[in-house]
Amino acid sequence: MSPTSGPVAFKASCPECRARFELDAGALRLAIGGSRRATFYSFTCPACGAAVRKPAGDRIVELLTGGGVSTLRSI
């Protein structure tokens, strides 16, 4: 595996203002619950300030955890 060239940036969009942007791992939070409905990621839109919460399937969970996003696991 080759070393990374810098911080990971995640592409995201806001459902409120429809802005598209990139966020670093520190701007995202991942919550992994006991069901699909309880597993999601969240962030604050840098354009409009809206609190955004989106579902996170297995692939998104893998990408976010691999990229260093802070993760909260519930039982």
PDB file of N, CA and C in Angstrom:
ATOM      1  N   MET A   1       0.846  -1.173   0.000  1.00  0.00           N
ATOM      2  CA  MET A   1       0.000   0.000   0.000  1.00  0.00           C
ATOM      3  C   MET A   1       0.894   1.240   0.000  1.00  0.00           C
ATOM      4  N   SER A   2       0.592   2.195  -0.863  1.00  0.00           N
ATOM      5  CA  SER A   2       1.409   3.399  -0.955  1.00  0.00           C
ATOM      6  C   SER A   2       0.981   4.417   0.092  1.00  0.00           C
ATOM      7  N   PRO A   3       1.897   5.252   0.550  1.00  0.00           N
ATOM      8  CA  PRO A   3       1.539   6.265   1.543  1.00  0.00           C
ATOM      9  C   PRO A   3       0.612   7.309   0.926  1.00  0.00           C
ATOM     10  N   THR A   4      -0.236   7.885   1.759  1.00  0.00           N
ATOM     11  CA  THR A   4      -1.147   8.920   1.274  1.00  0.00           C
ATOM     12  C   THR A   4      -0.379  10.215   1.084  1.00  0.00           C
ATOM     13  N   SER A   5      -0.849  11.038   0.163  1.00  0.00           N
ATOM     14  CA  SER A   5      -0.149  12.279  -0.148  1.00  0.00           C
ATOM     15  C   SER A   5      -0.644  13.451   0.694  1.00  0.00           C
ATOM     16  N   GLY A   6      -1.657  13.246   1.502  1.00  0.00           N
ATOM     17  CA  GLY A   6      -2.168  14.329   2.330  1.00  0.00           C
ATOM     18  C   GLY A   6      -3.483  13.939   2.951  1.00  0.00           C
ATOM     19  N   PRO A   7      -4.164  14.909   3.556  1.00  0.00           N
ATOM     20  CA  PRO A   7      -5.430  14.618   4.211  1.00  0.00           C
ATOM     21  C   PRO A   7      -6.492  14.174   3.200  1.00  0.00           C
ATOM     22  N   VAL A   8      -7.391  13.342   3.670  1.00  0.00           N
ATOM     23  CA  VAL A   8      -8.485  12.855   2.835  1.00  0.00           C
ATOM     24  C   VAL A   8      -9.589  13.903   2.794  1.00  0.00           C
ATOM     25  N   ALA A   9     -10.141  14.135   1.602  1.00  0.00           N
ATOM     26  CA  ALA A   9     -11.270  15.048   1.450  1.00  0.00           C
ATOM     27  C   ALA A   9     -12.462  14.243   0.946  1.00  0.00           C
ATOM     28  N   PHE A  10     -13.615  14.454   1.553  1.00  0.00           N
ATOM     29  CA  PHE A  10     -14.833  13.742   1.184  1.00  0.00           C
ATOM     30  C   PHE A  10     -15.774  14.696   0.461  1.00  0.00           C
ATOM     31  N   LYS A  11     -16.290  14.275  -0.687  1.00  0.00           N
ATOM     32  CA  LYS A  11     -17.263  15.081  -1.412  1.00  0.00           C
ATOM     33  C   LYS A  11     -18.615  14.941  -0.736  1.00  0.00           C
ATOM     34  N   ALA A  12     -19.309  16.061  -0.600  1.00  0.00           N
ATOM     35  CA  ALA A  12     -20.616  16.058   0.051  1.00  0.00           C
ATOM     36  C   ALA A  12     -21.488  17.132  -0.593  1.00  0.00           C
ATOM     37  N   SER A  13     -22.771  17.064  -0.289  1.00  0.00           N
ATOM     38  CA  SER A  13     -23.705  18.085  -0.762  1.00  0.00           C
ATOM     39  C   SER A  13     -24.755  18.327   0.304  1.00  0.00           C
ATOM     40  N   CYS A  14     -25.347  19.503   0.241  1.00  0.00           N
ATOM     41  CA  CYS A  14     -26.356  19.888   1.216  1.00  0.00           C
ATOM     42  C   CYS A  14     -27.745  19.786   0.589  1.00  0.00           C
ATOM     43  N   PRO A  15     -28.660  19.055   1.219  1.00  0.00           N
ATOM     44  CA  PRO A  15     -30.018  18.972   0.692  1.00  0.00           C
ATOM     45  C   PRO A  15     -30.817  20.267   0.874  1.00  0.00           C
ATOM     46  N   GLU A  16     -30.360  21.151   1.750  1.00  0.00           N
ATOM     47  CA  GLU A  16     -31.072  22.411   1.995  1.00  0.00           C
ATOM     48  C   GLU A  16     -30.764  23.450   0.917  1.00  0.00           C
ATOM     49  N   CYS A  17     -29.475  23.748   0.722  1.00  0.00           N
ATOM     50  CA  CYS A  17     -29.091  24.804  -0.224  1.00  0.00           C
ATOM     51  C   CYS A  17     -28.529  24.251  -1.533  1.00  0.00           C
ATOM     52  N   ARG A  18     -28.357  22.934  -1.593  1.00  0.00           N
ATOM     53  CA  ARG A  18     -27.849  22.223  -2.769  1.00  0.00           C
ATOM     54  C   ARG A  18     -26.393  22.529  -3.120  1.00  0.00           C
ATOM     55  N   ALA A  19     -25.657  23.113  -2.194  1.00  0.00           N
ATOM     56  CA  ALA A  19     -24.232  23.379  -2.414  1.00  0.00           C
ATOM     57  C   ALA A  19     -23.469  22.053  -2.449  1.00  0.00           C
ATOM     58  N   ARG A  20     -22.412  22.018  -3.219  1.00  0.00           N
ATOM     59  CA  ARG A  20     -21.510  20.855  -3.274  1.00  0.00           C
ATOM     60  C   ARG A  20     -20.138  21.331  -2.806  1.00  0.00           C
ATOM     61  N   PHE A  21     -19.458  20.487  -2.022  1.00  0.00           N
ATOM     62  CA  PHE A  21     -18.190  20.906  -1.431  1.00  0.00           C
ATOM     63  C   PHE A  21     -17.413  19.680  -1.003  1.00  0.00           C
ATOM     64  N   GLU A  22     -16.203  19.901  -0.506  1.00  0.00           N
ATOM     65  CA  GLU A  22     -15.377  18.835   0.060  1.00  0.00           C
ATOM     66  C   GLU A  22     -15.169  19.139   1.539  1.00  0.00           C
ATOM     67  N   LEU A  23     -15.207  18.086   2.344  1.00  0.00           N
ATOM     68  CA  LEU A  23     -15.008  18.207   3.790  1.00  0.00           C
ATOM     69  C   LEU A  23     -13.856  17.308   4.212  1.00  0.00           C
ATOM     70  N   ASP A  24     -13.097  17.734   5.203  1.00  0.00           N
ATOM     71  CA  ASP A  24     -12.073  16.849   5.742  1.00  0.00           C
ATOM     72  C   ASP A  24     -12.691  15.976   6.830  1.00  0.00           C
ATOM     73  N   ALA A  25     -11.954  14.987   7.268  1.00  0.00           N
ATOM     74  CA  ALA A  25     -12.469  14.016   8.242  1.00  0.00           C
ATOM     75  C   ALA A  25     -12.967  14.676   9.521  1.00  0.00           C
ATOM     76  N   GLY A  26     -12.350  15.761   9.934  1.00  0.00           N
ATOM     77  CA  GLY A  26     -12.739  16.439  11.160  1.00  0.00           C
ATOM     78  C   GLY A  26     -14.105  17.116  11.095  1.00  0.00           C
ATOM     79  N   ALA A  27     -14.614  17.327   9.883  1.00  0.00           N
ATOM     80  CA  ALA A  27     -15.906  17.998   9.720  1.00  0.00           C
ATOM     81  C   ALA A  27     -17.073  17.016   9.695  1.00  0.00           C
ATOM     82  N   LEU A  28     -16.775  15.726   9.698  1.00  0.00           N
ATOM     83  CA  LEU A  28     -17.807  14.690   9.614  1.00  0.00           C
ATOM     84  C   LEU A  28     -17.874  13.879  10.894  1.00  0.00           C
ATOM     85  N   ARG A  29     -19.040  13.348  11.179  1.00  0.00           N
ATOM     86  CA  ARG A  29     -19.245  12.412  12.297  1.00  0.00           C
ATOM     87  C   ARG A  29     -19.993  11.215  11.751  1.00  0.00           C
ATOM     88  N   LEU A  30     -19.615  10.044  12.194  1.00  0.00           N
ATOM     89  CA  LEU A  30     -20.257   8.807  11.764  1.00  0.00           C
ATOM     90  C   LEU A  30     -20.853   8.112  12.975  1.00  0.00           C
ATOM     91  N   ALA A  31     -22.125   7.765  12.898  1.00  0.00           N
ATOM     92  CA  ALA A  31     -22.800   7.023  13.977  1.00  0.00           C
ATOM     93  C   ALA A  31     -23.172   5.655  13.433  1.00  0.00           C
ATOM     94  N   ILE A  32     -22.683   4.613  14.078  1.00  0.00           N
ATOM     95  CA  ILE A  32     -22.978   3.247  13.667  1.00  0.00           C
ATOM     96  C   ILE A  32     -23.895   2.635  14.707  1.00  0.00           C
ATOM     97  N   GLY A  33     -25.120   2.353  14.300  1.00  0.00           N
ATOM     98  CA  GLY A  33     -26.114   1.804  15.206  1.00  0.00           C
ATOM     99  C   GLY A  33     -26.365   0.334  14.951  1.00  0.00           C
ATOM    100  N   GLY A  34     -27.351  -0.195  15.638  1.00  0.00           N
ATOM    101  CA  GLY A  34     -27.690  -1.604  15.534  1.00  0.00           C
ATOM    102  C   GLY A  34     -28.514  -1.944  14.301  1.00  0.00           C
ATOM    103  N   SER A  35     -28.903  -0.939  13.524  1.00  0.00           N
ATOM    104  CA  SER A  35     -29.686  -1.180  12.310  1.00  0.00           C
ATOM    105  C   SER A  35     -29.253  -0.198  11.229  1.00  0.00           C
ATOM    106  N   ARG A  36     -29.716  -0.437  10.006  1.00  0.00           N
ATOM    107  CA  ARG A  36     -29.400   0.477   8.903  1.00  0.00           C
ATOM    108  C   ARG A  36     -29.944   1.869   9.184  1.00  0.00           C
ATOM    109  N   ARG A  37     -31.117   1.932   9.755  1.00  0.00           N
ATOM    110  CA  ARG A  37     -31.750   3.223  10.045  1.00  0.00           C
ATOM    111  C   ARG A  37     -30.950   4.027  11.069  1.00  0.00           C
ATOM    112  N   ALA A  38     -30.253   3.336  11.950  1.00  0.00           N
ATOM    113  CA  ALA A  38     -29.493   3.995  13.014  1.00  0.00           C
ATOM    114  C   ALA A  38     -28.033   4.246  12.627  1.00  0.00           C
ATOM    115  N   THR A  39     -27.663   3.983  11.373  1.00  0.00           N
ATOM    116  CA  THR A  39     -26.301   4.211  10.912  1.00  0.00           C
ATOM    117  C   THR A  39     -26.323   5.371   9.921  1.00  0.00           C
ATOM    118  N   PHE A  40     -25.608   6.438  10.261  1.00  0.00           N
ATOM    119  CA  PHE A  40     -25.644   7.640   9.435  1.00  0.00           C
ATOM    120  C   PHE A  40     -24.375   8.465   9.645  1.00  0.00           C
ATOM    121  N   TYR A  41     -24.160   9.411   8.750  1.00  0.00           N
ATOM    122  CA  TYR A  41     -23.090  10.379   8.955  1.00  0.00           C
ATOM    123  C   TYR A  41     -23.713  11.765   8.971  1.00  0.00           C
ATOM    124  N   SER A  42     -23.030  12.693   9.606  1.00  0.00           N
ATOM    125  CA  SER A  42     -23.569  14.042   9.722  1.00  0.00           C
ATOM    126  C   SER A  42     -22.456  15.071   9.609  1.00  0.00           C
ATOM    127  N   PHE A  43     -22.874  16.276   9.241  1.00  0.00           N
ATOM    128  CA  PHE A  43     -21.956  17.400   9.127  1.00  0.00           C
ATOM    129  C   PHE A  43     -22.770  18.693   9.097  1.00  0.00           C
ATOM    130  N   THR A  44     -22.091  19.804   9.261  1.00  0.00           N
ATOM    131  CA  THR A  44     -22.724  21.113   9.137  1.00  0.00           C
ATOM    132  C   THR A  44     -22.337  21.684   7.778  1.00  0.00           C
ATOM    133  N   CYS A  45     -23.332  22.109   7.005  1.00  0.00           N
ATOM    134  CA  CYS A  45     -23.068  22.660   5.679  1.00  0.00           C
ATOM    135  C   CYS A  45     -22.243  23.934   5.812  1.00  0.00           C
ATOM    136  N   PRO A  46     -21.092  23.997   5.135  1.00  0.00           N
ATOM    137  CA  PRO A  46     -20.274  25.206   5.224  1.00  0.00           C
ATOM    138  C   PRO A  46     -20.888  26.393   4.473  1.00  0.00           C
ATOM    139  N   ALA A  47     -21.841  26.150   3.597  1.00  0.00           N
ATOM    140  CA  ALA A  47     -22.458  27.233   2.826  1.00  0.00           C
ATOM    141  C   ALA A  47     -23.622  27.895   3.561  1.00  0.00           C
ATOM    142  N   CYS A  48     -24.523  27.070   4.136  1.00  0.00           N
ATOM    143  CA  CYS A  48     -25.725  27.645   4.761  1.00  0.00           C
ATOM    144  C   CYS A  48     -25.836  27.373   6.262  1.00  0.00           C
ATOM    145  N   GLY A  49     -24.977  26.509   6.809  1.00  0.00           N
ATOM    146  CA  GLY A  49     -24.989  26.221   8.235  1.00  0.00           C
ATOM    147  C   GLY A  49     -25.999  25.174   8.672  1.00  0.00           C
ATOM    148  N   ALA A  50     -26.679  24.539   7.710  1.00  0.00           N
ATOM    149  CA  ALA A  50     -27.671  23.517   8.052  1.00  0.00           C
ATOM    150  C   ALA A  50     -26.994  22.282   8.642  1.00  0.00           C
ATOM    151  N   ALA A  51     -27.653  21.669   9.620  1.00  0.00           N
ATOM    152  CA  ALA A  51     -27.201  20.392  10.161  1.00  0.00           C
ATOM    153  C   ALA A  51     -27.708  19.307   9.211  1.00  0.00           C
ATOM    154  N   VAL A  52     -26.782  18.550   8.623  1.00  0.00           N
ATOM    155  CA  VAL A  52     -27.130  17.543   7.620  1.00  0.00           C
ATOM    156  C   VAL A  52     -26.876  16.158   8.192  1.00  0.00           C
ATOM    157  N   ARG A  53     -27.818  15.262   7.971  1.00  0.00           N
ATOM    158  CA  ARG A  53     -27.703  13.873   8.412  1.00  0.00           C
ATOM    159  C   ARG A  53     -28.106  12.989   7.234  1.00  0.00           C
ATOM    160  N   LYS A  54     -27.214  12.062   6.848  1.00  0.00           N
ATOM    161  CA  LYS A  54     -27.468  11.194   5.703  1.00  0.00           C
ATOM    162  C   LYS A  54     -27.209   9.741   6.089  1.00  0.00           C
ATOM    163  N   PRO A  55     -27.969   8.815   5.504  1.00  0.00           N
ATOM    164  CA  PRO A  55     -27.765   7.394   5.797  1.00  0.00           C
ATOM    165  C   PRO A  55     -26.393   6.935   5.318  1.00  0.00           C
ATOM    166  N   ALA A  56     -25.824   5.966   6.014  1.00  0.00           N
ATOM    167  CA  ALA A  56     -24.512   5.433   5.651  1.00  0.00           C
ATOM    168  C   ALA A  56     -24.599   3.920   5.510  1.00  0.00           C
ATOM    169  N   GLY A  57     -24.505   3.443   4.283  1.00  0.00           N
ATOM    170  CA  GLY A  57     -24.445   2.010   4.028  1.00  0.00           C
ATOM    171  C   GLY A  57     -23.055   1.481   4.311  1.00  0.00           C
ATOM    172  N   ASP A  58     -22.877   0.199   4.085  1.00  0.00           N
ATOM    173  CA  ASP A  58     -21.596  -0.452   4.392  1.00  0.00           C
ATOM    174  C   ASP A  58     -20.410   0.207   3.693  1.00  0.00           C
ATOM    175  N   ARG A  59     -20.554   0.539   2.427  1.00  0.00           N
ATOM    176  CA  ARG A  59     -19.437   1.133   1.668  1.00  0.00           C
ATOM    177  C   ARG A  59     -19.075   2.516   2.218  1.00  0.00           C
ATOM    178  N   ILE A  60     -20.063   3.318   2.531  1.00  0.00           N
ATOM    179  CA  ILE A  60     -19.787   4.650   3.087  1.00  0.00           C
ATOM    180  C   ILE A  60     -19.133   4.533   4.451  1.00  0.00           C
ATOM    181  N   VAL A  61     -19.602   3.605   5.277  1.00  0.00           N
ATOM    182  CA  VAL A  61     -18.980   3.372   6.589  1.00  0.00           C
ATOM    183  C   VAL A  61     -17.508   3.006   6.402  1.00  0.00           C
ATOM    184  N   GLU A  62     -17.228   2.133   5.451  1.00  0.00           N
ATOM    185  CA  GLU A  62     -15.850   1.710   5.180  1.00  0.00           C
ATOM    186  C   GLU A  62     -14.980   2.899   4.748  1.00  0.00           C
ATOM    187  N   LEU A  63     -15.485   3.709   3.842  1.00  0.00           N
ATOM    188  CA  LEU A  63     -14.723   4.871   3.354  1.00  0.00           C
ATOM    189  C   LEU A  63     -14.481   5.895   4.461  1.00  0.00           C
ATOM    190  N   LEU A  64     -15.512   6.188   5.239  1.00  0.00           N
ATOM    191  CA  LEU A  64     -15.370   7.202   6.284  1.00  0.00           C
ATOM    192  C   LEU A  64     -14.442   6.741   7.410  1.00  0.00           C
ATOM    193  N   THR A  65     -14.594   5.503   7.855  1.00  0.00           N
ATOM    194  CA  THR A  65     -13.715   5.016   8.925  1.00  0.00           C
ATOM    195  C   THR A  65     -12.272   4.924   8.423  1.00  0.00           C
ATOM    196  N   GLY A  66     -12.090   4.486   7.180  1.00  0.00           N
ATOM    197  CA  GLY A  66     -10.747   4.413   6.603  1.00  0.00           C
ATOM    198  C   GLY A  66     -10.113   5.778   6.424  1.00  0.00           C
ATOM    199  N   GLY A  67     -10.936   6.804   6.281  1.00  0.00           N
ATOM    200  CA  GLY A  67     -10.444   8.164   6.098  1.00  0.00           C
ATOM    201  C   GLY A  67     -10.263   8.935   7.388  1.00  0.00           C
ATOM    202  N   GLY A  68     -10.501   8.279   8.529  1.00  0.00           N
ATOM    203  CA  GLY A  68     -10.242   8.920   9.814  1.00  0.00           C
ATOM    204  C   GLY A  68     -11.391   9.694  10.423  1.00  0.00           C
ATOM    205  N   VAL A  69     -12.610   9.473   9.932  1.00  0.00           N
ATOM    206  CA  VAL A  69     -13.763  10.168  10.487  1.00  0.00           C
ATOM    207  C   VAL A  69     -14.081   9.632  11.882  1.00  0.00           C
ATOM    208  N   SER A  70     -14.355  10.534  12.804  1.00  0.00           N
ATOM    209  CA  SER A  70     -14.700  10.164  14.174  1.00  0.00           C
ATOM    210  C   SER A  70     -15.985   9.331  14.166  1.00  0.00           C
ATOM    211  N   THR A  71     -15.950   8.203  14.877  1.00  0.00           N
ATOM    212  CA  THR A  71     -17.070   7.258  14.846  1.00  0.00           C
ATOM    213  C   THR A  71     -17.634   7.023  16.239  1.00  0.00           C
ATOM    214  N   LEU A  72     -18.965   7.042  16.319  1.00  0.00           N
ATOM    215  CA  LEU A  72     -19.685   6.728  17.548  1.00  0.00           C
ATOM    216  C   LEU A  72     -20.436   5.429  17.293  1.00  0.00           C
ATOM    217  N   ARG A  73     -20.245   4.443  18.140  1.00  0.00           N
ATOM    218  CA  ARG A  73     -20.949   3.171  17.995  1.00  0.00           C
ATOM    219  C   ARG A  73     -21.942   3.026  19.128  1.00  0.00           C
ATOM    220  N   SER A  74     -23.181   2.692  18.748  1.00  0.00           N
ATOM    221  CA  SER A  74     -24.196   2.445  19.776  1.00  0.00           C
ATOM    222  C   SER A  74     -24.478   0.951  19.840  1.00  0.00           C
ATOM    223  N   ILE A  75     -24.916   0.513  20.967  1.00  0.00           N
ATOM    224  CA  ILE A  75     -25.148  -0.924  21.171  1.00  0.00           C
ATOM    225  C   ILE A  75     -26.514  -1.314  20.653  1.00  0.00           C
TER     226      ILE A  75
END
